[in-house]
Amino acid sequence: MTTIAVAGKGGTGKTTIASLAVRYLIGKGEGPVLVVDADPNSNMGQTLGIEVPITVGSMREQGFAGDRDIPGGMTKDQFVEYKMQEALAEGEGFDLLTMGRPEGAGCYCFANNLIRRFMDELAADYRHVIMDNEAGLEHLSRRTTRTTDVLLVVSDAGMRGLTAAARVLELADEMKLDVGRRMFVLNRATPETAAALQPEIERLELPLVATLPEDPGLFEVEVAGRSLLDLPGGSPFVSAAASLFDMIFAAQ
């Protein structure tokens, strides 16, 4: 099993890249894929074209901090497992688990420990796991038993995005995350822009592996709110992303 965690500043296109990784794996017959939307903005359902029945965050708020919502005769462990299965949105060749909103004011230590455990058990049923993370890596830091094979950090062609990308890699070190390879992708950049940013990329020691182009067709699909799984294979962005994924998965 391969676990890819995609992270970066909001608006840099990381959800798009994570969605295209799912598209790539399905096209290669590499399903089933577990997709974990760990970004509080929770856009993966829309980009993958499926409805999200319930988020892990909302089901935790509904009763995991206490016993009030657990049916009689059911343990907390059984209830968490049941709700986790309920939260899975099923797609063609993939399932989506949406983490949703962050925690409220209560104590969620017990609930979070159960969720971690069941996420690990759930992931074992899939060939690949794709995680879309916020820049703070909050949910990634809670994965306690599985290695993240690739931390794919994304930035757009702007200085703030590059700085945020460098900070993500610093956070991964500070949190002592179990990460195999670290990769940096410069998104929505022309060759000229990429060349101009190269000195800053080198200064920040970002492990650049790919530059993905602007694509008007992709922009139109995103604006219309359509599924990225329906993008044509000849799209410049899809072709460039496929080369990136060829490199990632060939080494796994």
C-alpha atoms as a PDB file:
ATOM      1  CA  MET A   1       0.000   0.000   0.000  1.00  0.00           C
ATOM      2  CA  THR A   2       1.186   3.503  -0.854  1.00  0.00           C
ATOM      3  CA  THR A   3       0.200   6.542   1.201  1.00  0.00           C
ATOM      4  CA  ILE A   4       0.554   9.970  -0.424  1.00  0.00           C
ATOM      5  CA  ALA A   5      -0.089  13.079   1.675  1.00  0.00           C
ATOM      6  CA  VAL A   6      -0.602  16.313  -0.264  1.00  0.00           C
ATOM      7  CA  ALA A   7      -0.123  19.560   1.664  1.00  0.00           C
ATOM      8  CA  GLY A   8       0.385  23.281   1.155  1.00  0.00           C
ATOM      9  CA  LYS A   9      -1.145  26.713   1.590  1.00  0.00           C
ATOM     10  CA  GLY A  10      -4.821  27.055   0.734  1.00  0.00           C
ATOM     11  CA  GLY A  11      -5.475  28.044  -2.880  1.00  0.00           C
ATOM     12  CA  THR A  12      -2.292  26.538  -4.304  1.00  0.00           C
ATOM     13  CA  GLY A  13      -4.085  23.669  -6.039  1.00  0.00           C
ATOM     14  CA  LYS A  14      -3.258  20.813  -3.697  1.00  0.00           C
ATOM     15  CA  THR A  15      -6.839  19.472  -3.743  1.00  0.00           C
ATOM     16  CA  THR A  16      -6.712  19.482  -7.544  1.00  0.00           C
ATOM     17  CA  ILE A  17      -3.449  17.526  -7.532  1.00  0.00           C
ATOM     18  CA  ALA A  18      -4.770  15.063  -4.933  1.00  0.00           C
ATOM     19  CA  SER A  19      -7.903  14.528  -7.058  1.00  0.00           C
ATOM     20  CA  LEU A  20      -5.831  13.920 -10.176  1.00  0.00           C
ATOM     21  CA  ALA A  21      -3.742  11.384  -8.243  1.00  0.00           C
ATOM     22  CA  VAL A  22      -6.985   9.487  -7.605  1.00  0.00           C
ATOM     23  CA  ARG A  23      -7.906   9.814 -11.296  1.00  0.00           C
ATOM     24  CA  TYR A  24      -4.470   8.508 -12.303  1.00  0.00           C
ATOM     25  CA  LEU A  25      -4.647   5.458 -10.017  1.00  0.00           C
ATOM     26  CA  ILE A  26      -8.151   4.528 -11.137  1.00  0.00           C
ATOM     27  CA  GLY A  27      -7.091   4.857 -14.781  1.00  0.00           C
ATOM     28  CA  LYS A  28      -4.174   2.485 -14.114  1.00  0.00           C
ATOM     29  CA  GLY A  29      -6.482  -0.079 -12.506  1.00  0.00           C
ATOM     30  CA  GLU A  30      -4.826   0.567  -9.141  1.00  0.00           C
ATOM     31  CA  GLY A  31      -8.020   0.743  -7.099  1.00  0.00           C
ATOM     32  CA  PRO A  32      -9.503   0.650  -4.637  1.00  0.00           C
ATOM     33  CA  VAL A  33      -8.188   3.985  -3.376  1.00  0.00           C
ATOM     34  CA  LEU A  34      -9.020   5.487   0.009  1.00  0.00           C
ATOM     35  CA  VAL A  35      -9.226   9.278  -0.227  1.00  0.00           C
ATOM     36  CA  VAL A  36      -9.009  11.209   3.039  1.00  0.00           C
ATOM     37  CA  ASP A  37     -10.067  14.847   2.914  1.00  0.00           C
ATOM     38  CA  ALA A  38      -8.238  16.272   5.935  1.00  0.00           C
ATOM     39  CA  ASP A  39      -8.542  19.908   4.852  1.00  0.00           C
ATOM     40  CA  PRO A  40     -11.167  21.842   6.887  1.00  0.00           C
ATOM     41  CA  ASN A  41     -12.424  23.374   3.612  1.00  0.00           C
ATOM     42  CA  SER A  42     -13.541  19.873   2.579  1.00  0.00           C
ATOM     43  CA  ASN A  43     -13.601  20.265  -1.215  1.00  0.00           C
ATOM     44  CA  MET A  44     -12.634  16.739  -2.285  1.00  0.00           C
ATOM     45  CA  GLY A  45     -16.231  15.553  -2.564  1.00  0.00           C
ATOM     46  CA  GLN A  46     -16.940  18.248  -5.133  1.00  0.00           C
ATOM     47  CA  THR A  47     -13.752  17.723  -7.122  1.00  0.00           C
ATOM     48  CA  LEU A  48     -14.405  13.961  -7.220  1.00  0.00           C
ATOM     49  CA  GLY A  49     -18.094  14.382  -8.035  1.00  0.00           C
ATOM     50  CA  ILE A  50     -19.666  12.593  -5.045  1.00  0.00           C
ATOM     51  CA  GLU A  51     -21.834  13.606  -2.095  1.00  0.00           C
ATOM     52  CA  VAL A  52     -20.395  13.447   1.421  1.00  0.00           C
ATOM     53  CA  PRO A  53     -22.962  11.866   3.806  1.00  0.00           C
ATOM     54  CA  ILE A  54     -21.334  12.952   7.076  1.00  0.00           C
ATOM     55  CA  THR A  55     -17.902  14.129   8.189  1.00  0.00           C
ATOM     56  CA  VAL A  56     -15.797  12.572  10.916  1.00  0.00           C
ATOM     57  CA  GLY A  57     -15.765  15.956  12.689  1.00  0.00           C
ATOM     58  CA  SER A  58     -19.539  16.227  12.805  1.00  0.00           C
ATOM     59  CA  MET A  59     -20.050  12.662  14.001  1.00  0.00           C
ATOM     60  CA  ARG A  60     -17.499  13.270  16.756  1.00  0.00           C
ATOM     61  CA  GLU A  61     -19.408  16.386  17.816  1.00  0.00           C
ATOM     62  CA  GLN A  62     -22.656  14.396  17.818  1.00  0.00           C
ATOM     63  CA  GLY A  63     -21.624  12.126  20.606  1.00  0.00           C
ATOM     64  CA  PHE A  64     -18.117  10.697  20.658  1.00  0.00           C
ATOM     65  CA  ALA A  65     -17.138  12.865  23.637  1.00  0.00           C
ATOM     66  CA  GLY A  66     -19.792  11.178  25.770  1.00  0.00           C
ATOM     67  CA  ASP A  67     -22.290   8.322  25.807  1.00  0.00           C
ATOM     68  CA  ARG A  68     -25.486  10.188  25.000  1.00  0.00           C
ATOM     69  CA  ASP A  69     -25.807   9.123  21.365  1.00  0.00           C
ATOM     70  CA  ILE A  70     -24.532   5.541  21.601  1.00  0.00           C
ATOM     71  CA  PRO A  71     -27.364   3.013  21.164  1.00  0.00           C
ATOM     72  CA  GLY A  72     -27.978   0.525  23.961  1.00  0.00           C
ATOM     73  CA  GLY A  73     -26.011  -2.676  23.644  1.00  0.00           C
ATOM     74  CA  MET A  74     -23.299  -1.027  21.504  1.00  0.00           C
ATOM     75  CA  THR A  75     -19.829  -0.206  22.836  1.00  0.00           C
ATOM     76  CA  LYS A  76     -18.015   3.020  21.952  1.00  0.00           C
ATOM     77  CA  ASP A  77     -15.641   1.030  19.765  1.00  0.00           C
ATOM     78  CA  GLN A  78     -18.532  -0.527  17.856  1.00  0.00           C
ATOM     79  CA  PHE A  79     -20.252   2.847  17.532  1.00  0.00           C
ATOM     80  CA  VAL A  80     -17.143   4.530  16.123  1.00  0.00           C
ATOM     81  CA  GLU A  81     -16.630   1.713  13.621  1.00  0.00           C
ATOM     82  CA  TYR A  82     -20.287   1.953  12.555  1.00  0.00           C
ATOM     83  CA  LYS A  83     -20.121   5.740  12.123  1.00  0.00           C
ATOM     84  CA  MET A  84     -16.827   5.566  10.244  1.00  0.00           C
ATOM     85  CA  GLN A  85     -18.421   3.191   7.744  1.00  0.00           C
ATOM     86  CA  GLU A  86     -21.419   5.518   7.503  1.00  0.00           C
ATOM     87  CA  ALA A  87     -19.102   8.446   6.727  1.00  0.00           C
ATOM     88  CA  LEU A  88     -17.503   6.678   3.741  1.00  0.00           C
ATOM     89  CA  ALA A  89     -18.716   8.082   0.433  1.00  0.00           C
ATOM     90  CA  GLU A  90     -18.418   5.441  -2.297  1.00  0.00           C
ATOM     91  CA  GLY A  91     -17.179   6.297  -5.772  1.00  0.00           C
ATOM     92  CA  GLU A  92     -16.053   4.325  -8.826  1.00  0.00           C
ATOM     93  CA  GLY A  93     -12.775   2.760  -7.739  1.00  0.00           C
ATOM     94  CA  PHE A  94     -12.398   4.886  -4.611  1.00  0.00           C
ATOM     95  CA  ASP A  95     -13.997   5.750  -1.281  1.00  0.00           C
ATOM     96  CA  LEU A  96     -13.848   9.200   0.328  1.00  0.00           C
ATOM     97  CA  LEU A  97     -13.607   9.894   4.056  1.00  0.00           C
ATOM     98  CA  THR A  98     -14.039  13.577   4.945  1.00  0.00           C
ATOM     99  CA  MET A  99     -12.572  14.709   8.268  1.00  0.00           C
ATOM    100  CA  GLY A 100     -14.472  18.012   8.344  1.00  0.00           C
ATOM    101  CA  ARG A 101     -14.392  20.721  10.955  1.00  0.00           C
ATOM    102  CA  PRO A 102     -11.792  20.891  13.731  1.00  0.00           C
ATOM    103  CA  GLU A 103     -12.570  19.989  17.314  1.00  0.00           C
ATOM    104  CA  GLY A 104     -14.791  21.977  19.634  1.00  0.00           C
ATOM    105  CA  ALA A 105     -14.133  22.833  23.252  1.00  0.00           C
ATOM    106  CA  GLY A 106     -14.692  19.359  24.723  1.00  0.00           C
ATOM    107  CA  CYS A 107     -12.194  16.588  25.359  1.00  0.00           C
ATOM    108  CA  TYR A 108     -11.873  14.310  22.347  1.00  0.00           C
ATOM    109  CA  CYS A 109      -8.805  12.279  23.312  1.00  0.00           C
ATOM    110  CA  PHE A 110     -10.692   8.978  23.569  1.00  0.00           C
ATOM    111  CA  ALA A 111     -12.634   9.599  20.354  1.00  0.00           C
ATOM    112  CA  ASN A 112      -9.509  10.621  18.437  1.00  0.00           C
ATOM    113  CA  ASN A 113      -7.647   7.511  19.577  1.00  0.00           C
ATOM    114  CA  LEU A 114     -10.509   5.339  18.330  1.00  0.00           C
ATOM    115  CA  ILE A 115     -10.687   7.217  15.034  1.00  0.00           C
ATOM    116  CA  ARG A 116      -6.943   6.775  14.498  1.00  0.00           C
ATOM    117  CA  ARG A 117      -7.190   3.074  15.133  1.00  0.00           C
ATOM    118  CA  PHE A 118     -10.130   2.531  12.839  1.00  0.00           C
ATOM    119  CA  MET A 119      -8.576   4.670  10.107  1.00  0.00           C
ATOM    120  CA  ASP A 120      -5.546   2.403  10.156  1.00  0.00           C
ATOM    121  CA  GLU A 121      -7.758  -0.693   9.993  1.00  0.00           C
ATOM    122  CA  LEU A 122      -9.814   0.882   7.216  1.00  0.00           C
ATOM    123  CA  ALA A 123      -6.743   1.837   5.179  1.00  0.00           C
ATOM    124  CA  ALA A 124      -5.536  -1.767   5.193  1.00  0.00           C
ATOM    125  CA  ASP A 125      -8.391  -2.659   2.817  1.00  0.00           C
ATOM    126  CA  TYR A 126      -7.103  -0.325   0.065  1.00  0.00           C
ATOM    127  CA  ARG A 127      -4.212  -0.442  -2.389  1.00  0.00           C
ATOM    128  CA  HIS A 128      -3.461   3.263  -2.008  1.00  0.00           C
ATOM    129  CA  VAL A 129      -4.326   6.137   0.329  1.00  0.00           C
ATOM    130  CA  ILE A 130      -4.408   9.765  -0.855  1.00  0.00           C
ATOM    131  CA  MET A 131      -4.674  12.417   1.887  1.00  0.00           C
ATOM    132  CA  ASP A 132      -5.461  16.085   1.206  1.00  0.00           C
ATOM    133  CA  ASN A 133      -4.053  18.023   4.186  1.00  0.00           C
ATOM    134  CA  GLU A 134      -4.136  21.583   5.413  1.00  0.00           C
ATOM    135  CA  ALA A 135      -0.811  23.381   5.777  1.00  0.00           C
ATOM    136  CA  GLY A 136      -0.676  22.694   9.520  1.00  0.00           C
ATOM    137  CA  LEU A 137      -0.574  18.899   9.002  1.00  0.00           C
ATOM    138  CA  GLU A 138      -2.921  18.431  11.978  1.00  0.00           C
ATOM    139  CA  HIS A 139      -4.524  15.197  10.831  1.00  0.00           C
ATOM    140  CA  LEU A 140      -1.322  13.805   9.374  1.00  0.00           C
ATOM    141  CA  SER A 141       0.330  14.220  12.785  1.00  0.00           C
ATOM    142  CA  ARG A 142      -2.316  11.902  14.267  1.00  0.00           C
ATOM    143  CA  ARG A 143      -1.394   8.929  12.084  1.00  0.00           C
ATOM    144  CA  THR A 144       0.522   6.842  14.562  1.00  0.00           C
ATOM    145  CA  THR A 145       1.117   3.414  13.014  1.00  0.00           C
ATOM    146  CA  ARG A 146       1.590   3.919   9.276  1.00  0.00           C
ATOM    147  CA  THR A 147       4.369   5.504   7.284  1.00  0.00           C
ATOM    148  CA  THR A 148       3.501   8.268   4.829  1.00  0.00           C
ATOM    149  CA  ASP A 149       5.387   7.135   1.753  1.00  0.00           C
ATOM    150  CA  VAL A 150       5.379  10.555   0.057  1.00  0.00           C
ATOM    151  CA  LEU A 151       4.742  14.032   1.452  1.00  0.00           C
ATOM    152  CA  LEU A 152       3.889  16.042  -1.659  1.00  0.00           C
ATOM    153  CA  VAL A 153       4.078  19.762  -0.873  1.00  0.00           C
ATOM    154  CA  VAL A 154       2.407  22.130  -3.352  1.00  0.00           C
ATOM    155  CA  SER A 155       2.859  25.846  -3.997  1.00  0.00           C
ATOM    156  CA  ASP A 156       1.630  28.231  -6.646  1.00  0.00           C
ATOM    157  CA  ALA A 157       4.066  30.584  -8.363  1.00  0.00           C
ATOM    158  CA  GLY A 158       4.181  33.103  -5.515  1.00  0.00           C
ATOM    159  CA  MET A 159       6.606  33.913  -2.716  1.00  0.00           C
ATOM    160  CA  ARG A 160       4.028  33.319   0.043  1.00  0.00           C
ATOM    161  CA  GLY A 161       3.259  29.890  -1.349  1.00  0.00           C
ATOM    162  CA  LEU A 162       6.958  28.994  -1.430  1.00  0.00           C
ATOM    163  CA  THR A 163       7.421  30.172   2.163  1.00  0.00           C
ATOM    164  CA  ALA A 164       4.393  28.174   3.274  1.00  0.00           C
ATOM    165  CA  ALA A 165       5.738  25.095   1.489  1.00  0.00           C
ATOM    166  CA  ALA A 166       9.056  25.406   3.314  1.00  0.00           C
ATOM    167  CA  ARG A 167       7.151  25.742   6.597  1.00  0.00           C
ATOM    168  CA  VAL A 168       5.214  22.535   5.885  1.00  0.00           C
ATOM    169  CA  LEU A 169       8.487  20.646   5.529  1.00  0.00           C
ATOM    170  CA  GLU A 170       9.778  22.225   8.752  1.00  0.00           C
ATOM    171  CA  LEU A 171       6.590  21.162  10.552  1.00  0.00           C
ATOM    172  CA  ALA A 172       7.028  17.600   9.322  1.00  0.00           C
ATOM    173  CA  ASP A 173      10.481  17.591  10.935  1.00  0.00           C
ATOM    174  CA  GLU A 174       9.253  19.231  14.155  1.00  0.00           C
ATOM    175  CA  MET A 175       6.412  16.706  14.474  1.00  0.00           C
ATOM    176  CA  LYS A 176       8.828  13.856  13.711  1.00  0.00           C
ATOM    177  CA  LEU A 177       6.435  12.496  11.109  1.00  0.00           C
ATOM    178  CA  ASP A 178       7.274   9.119   9.648  1.00  0.00           C
ATOM    179  CA  VAL A 179       7.687  10.210   6.025  1.00  0.00           C
ATOM    180  CA  GLY A 180       9.464   8.313   3.266  1.00  0.00           C
ATOM    181  CA  ARG A 181      10.111  10.888   0.536  1.00  0.00           C
ATOM    182  CA  ARG A 182       9.498  14.638   0.492  1.00  0.00           C
ATOM    183  CA  MET A 183       8.641  16.249  -2.834  1.00  0.00           C
ATOM    184  CA  PHE A 184       7.819  19.782  -3.874  1.00  0.00           C
ATOM    185  CA  VAL A 185       5.584  20.712  -6.815  1.00  0.00           C
ATOM    186  CA  LEU A 186       5.386  24.197  -8.313  1.00  0.00           C
ATOM    187  CA  ASN A 187       1.858  24.582  -9.612  1.00  0.00           C
ATOM    188  CA  ARG A 188       0.356  26.872 -12.274  1.00  0.00           C
ATOM    189  CA  ALA A 189       3.704  28.183 -13.456  1.00  0.00           C
ATOM    190  CA  THR A 190       5.090  29.069 -16.859  1.00  0.00           C
ATOM    191  CA  PRO A 191       8.672  28.020 -17.686  1.00  0.00           C
ATOM    192  CA  GLU A 192       9.704  31.684 -17.374  1.00  0.00           C
ATOM    193  CA  THR A 193       8.117  32.020 -13.927  1.00  0.00           C
ATOM    194  CA  ALA A 194       9.669  28.776 -12.765  1.00  0.00           C
ATOM    195  CA  ALA A 195      13.095  29.975 -13.879  1.00  0.00           C
ATOM    196  CA  ALA A 196      12.643  33.290 -12.069  1.00  0.00           C
ATOM    197  CA  LEU A 197      11.664  31.474  -8.848  1.00  0.00           C
ATOM    198  CA  GLN A 198      14.483  28.928  -9.017  1.00  0.00           C
ATOM    199  CA  PRO A 199      16.913  30.904  -6.795  1.00  0.00           C
ATOM    200  CA  GLU A 200      14.267  31.181  -4.044  1.00  0.00           C
ATOM    201  CA  ILE A 201      13.352  27.513  -4.378  1.00  0.00           C
ATOM    202  CA  GLU A 202      17.010  26.631  -3.929  1.00  0.00           C
ATOM    203  CA  ARG A 203      17.403  29.036  -1.012  1.00  0.00           C
ATOM    204  CA  LEU A 204      14.457  27.446   0.789  1.00  0.00           C
ATOM    205  CA  GLU A 205      15.842  23.987  -0.049  1.00  0.00           C
ATOM    206  CA  LEU A 206      12.542  22.875  -1.562  1.00  0.00           C
ATOM    207  CA  PRO A 207      12.917  19.431  -3.226  1.00  0.00           C
ATOM    208  CA  LEU A 208      11.405  20.435  -6.586  1.00  0.00           C
ATOM    209  CA  VAL A 209      10.336  17.440  -8.681  1.00  0.00           C
ATOM    210  CA  ALA A 210       7.777  18.922 -11.094  1.00  0.00           C
ATOM    211  CA  THR A 211       6.370  22.151 -12.490  1.00  0.00           C
ATOM    212  CA  LEU A 212       2.711  21.992 -13.544  1.00  0.00           C
ATOM    213  CA  PRO A 213       1.375  24.455 -16.132  1.00  0.00           C
ATOM    214  CA  GLU A 214      -1.560  26.823 -16.235  1.00  0.00           C
ATOM    215  CA  ASP A 215      -4.466  25.150 -18.027  1.00  0.00           C
ATOM    216  CA  PRO A 216      -7.555  27.134 -19.126  1.00  0.00           C
ATOM    217  CA  GLY A 217      -9.529  23.902 -19.498  1.00  0.00           C
ATOM    218  CA  LEU A 218      -8.843  22.976 -15.895  1.00  0.00           C
ATOM    219  CA  PHE A 219      -9.819  26.460 -14.760  1.00  0.00           C
ATOM    220  CA  GLU A 220     -13.170  26.184 -16.583  1.00  0.00           C
ATOM    221  CA  VAL A 221     -13.948  22.822 -14.958  1.00  0.00           C
ATOM    222  CA  GLU A 222     -13.085  24.149 -11.485  1.00  0.00           C
ATOM    223  CA  VAL A 223     -15.162  27.306 -11.928  1.00  0.00           C
ATOM    224  CA  ALA A 224     -18.138  25.246 -13.099  1.00  0.00           C
ATOM    225  CA  GLY A 225     -17.798  22.945 -10.070  1.00  0.00           C
ATOM    226  CA  ARG A 226     -17.531  19.821 -12.222  1.00  0.00           C
ATOM    227  CA  SER A 227     -15.675  16.674 -11.237  1.00  0.00           C
ATOM    228  CA  LEU A 228     -11.988  16.645 -12.137  1.00  0.00           C
ATOM    229  CA  LEU A 229     -12.365  12.962 -12.954  1.00  0.00           C
ATOM    230  CA  ASP A 230     -14.052  14.104 -16.173  1.00  0.00           C
ATOM    231  CA  LEU A 231     -11.093  16.148 -17.435  1.00  0.00           C
ATOM    232  CA  PRO A 232      -9.957  15.050 -20.908  1.00  0.00           C
ATOM    233  CA  GLY A 233      -6.770  13.026 -21.042  1.00  0.00           C
ATOM    234  CA  GLY A 234      -5.186  15.505 -23.473  1.00  0.00           C
ATOM    235  CA  SER A 235      -5.342  18.345 -20.965  1.00  0.00           C
ATOM    236  CA  PRO A 236      -1.848  19.884 -20.484  1.00  0.00           C
ATOM    237  CA  PHE A 237      -2.292  19.816 -16.727  1.00  0.00           C
ATOM    238  CA  VAL A 238      -3.470  16.191 -16.675  1.00  0.00           C
ATOM    239  CA  SER A 239      -0.534  15.137 -18.883  1.00  0.00           C
ATOM    240  CA  ALA A 240       2.021  16.927 -16.685  1.00  0.00           C
ATOM    241  CA  ALA A 241       0.450  15.539 -13.509  1.00  0.00           C
ATOM    242  CA  ALA A 242       0.499  12.010 -15.001  1.00  0.00           C
ATOM    243  CA  SER A 243       4.272  12.311 -15.536  1.00  0.00           C
ATOM    244  CA  LEU A 244       4.628  13.327 -11.883  1.00  0.00           C
ATOM    245  CA  PHE A 245       2.565  10.344 -10.725  1.00  0.00           C
ATOM    246  CA  ASP A 246       4.495   7.992 -13.011  1.00  0.00           C
ATOM    247  CA  MET A 247       7.628   9.035 -11.162  1.00  0.00           C
ATOM    248  CA  ILE A 248       6.032   8.711  -7.705  1.00  0.00           C
ATOM    249  CA  PHE A 249       4.353   5.342  -8.088  1.00  0.00           C
ATOM    250  CA  ALA A 250       7.084   3.715 -10.184  1.00  0.00           C
ATOM    251  CA  ALA A 251       9.399   4.048  -7.189  1.00  0.00           C
ATOM    252  CA  GLN A 252       6.945   2.487  -4.702  1.00  0.00           C
END
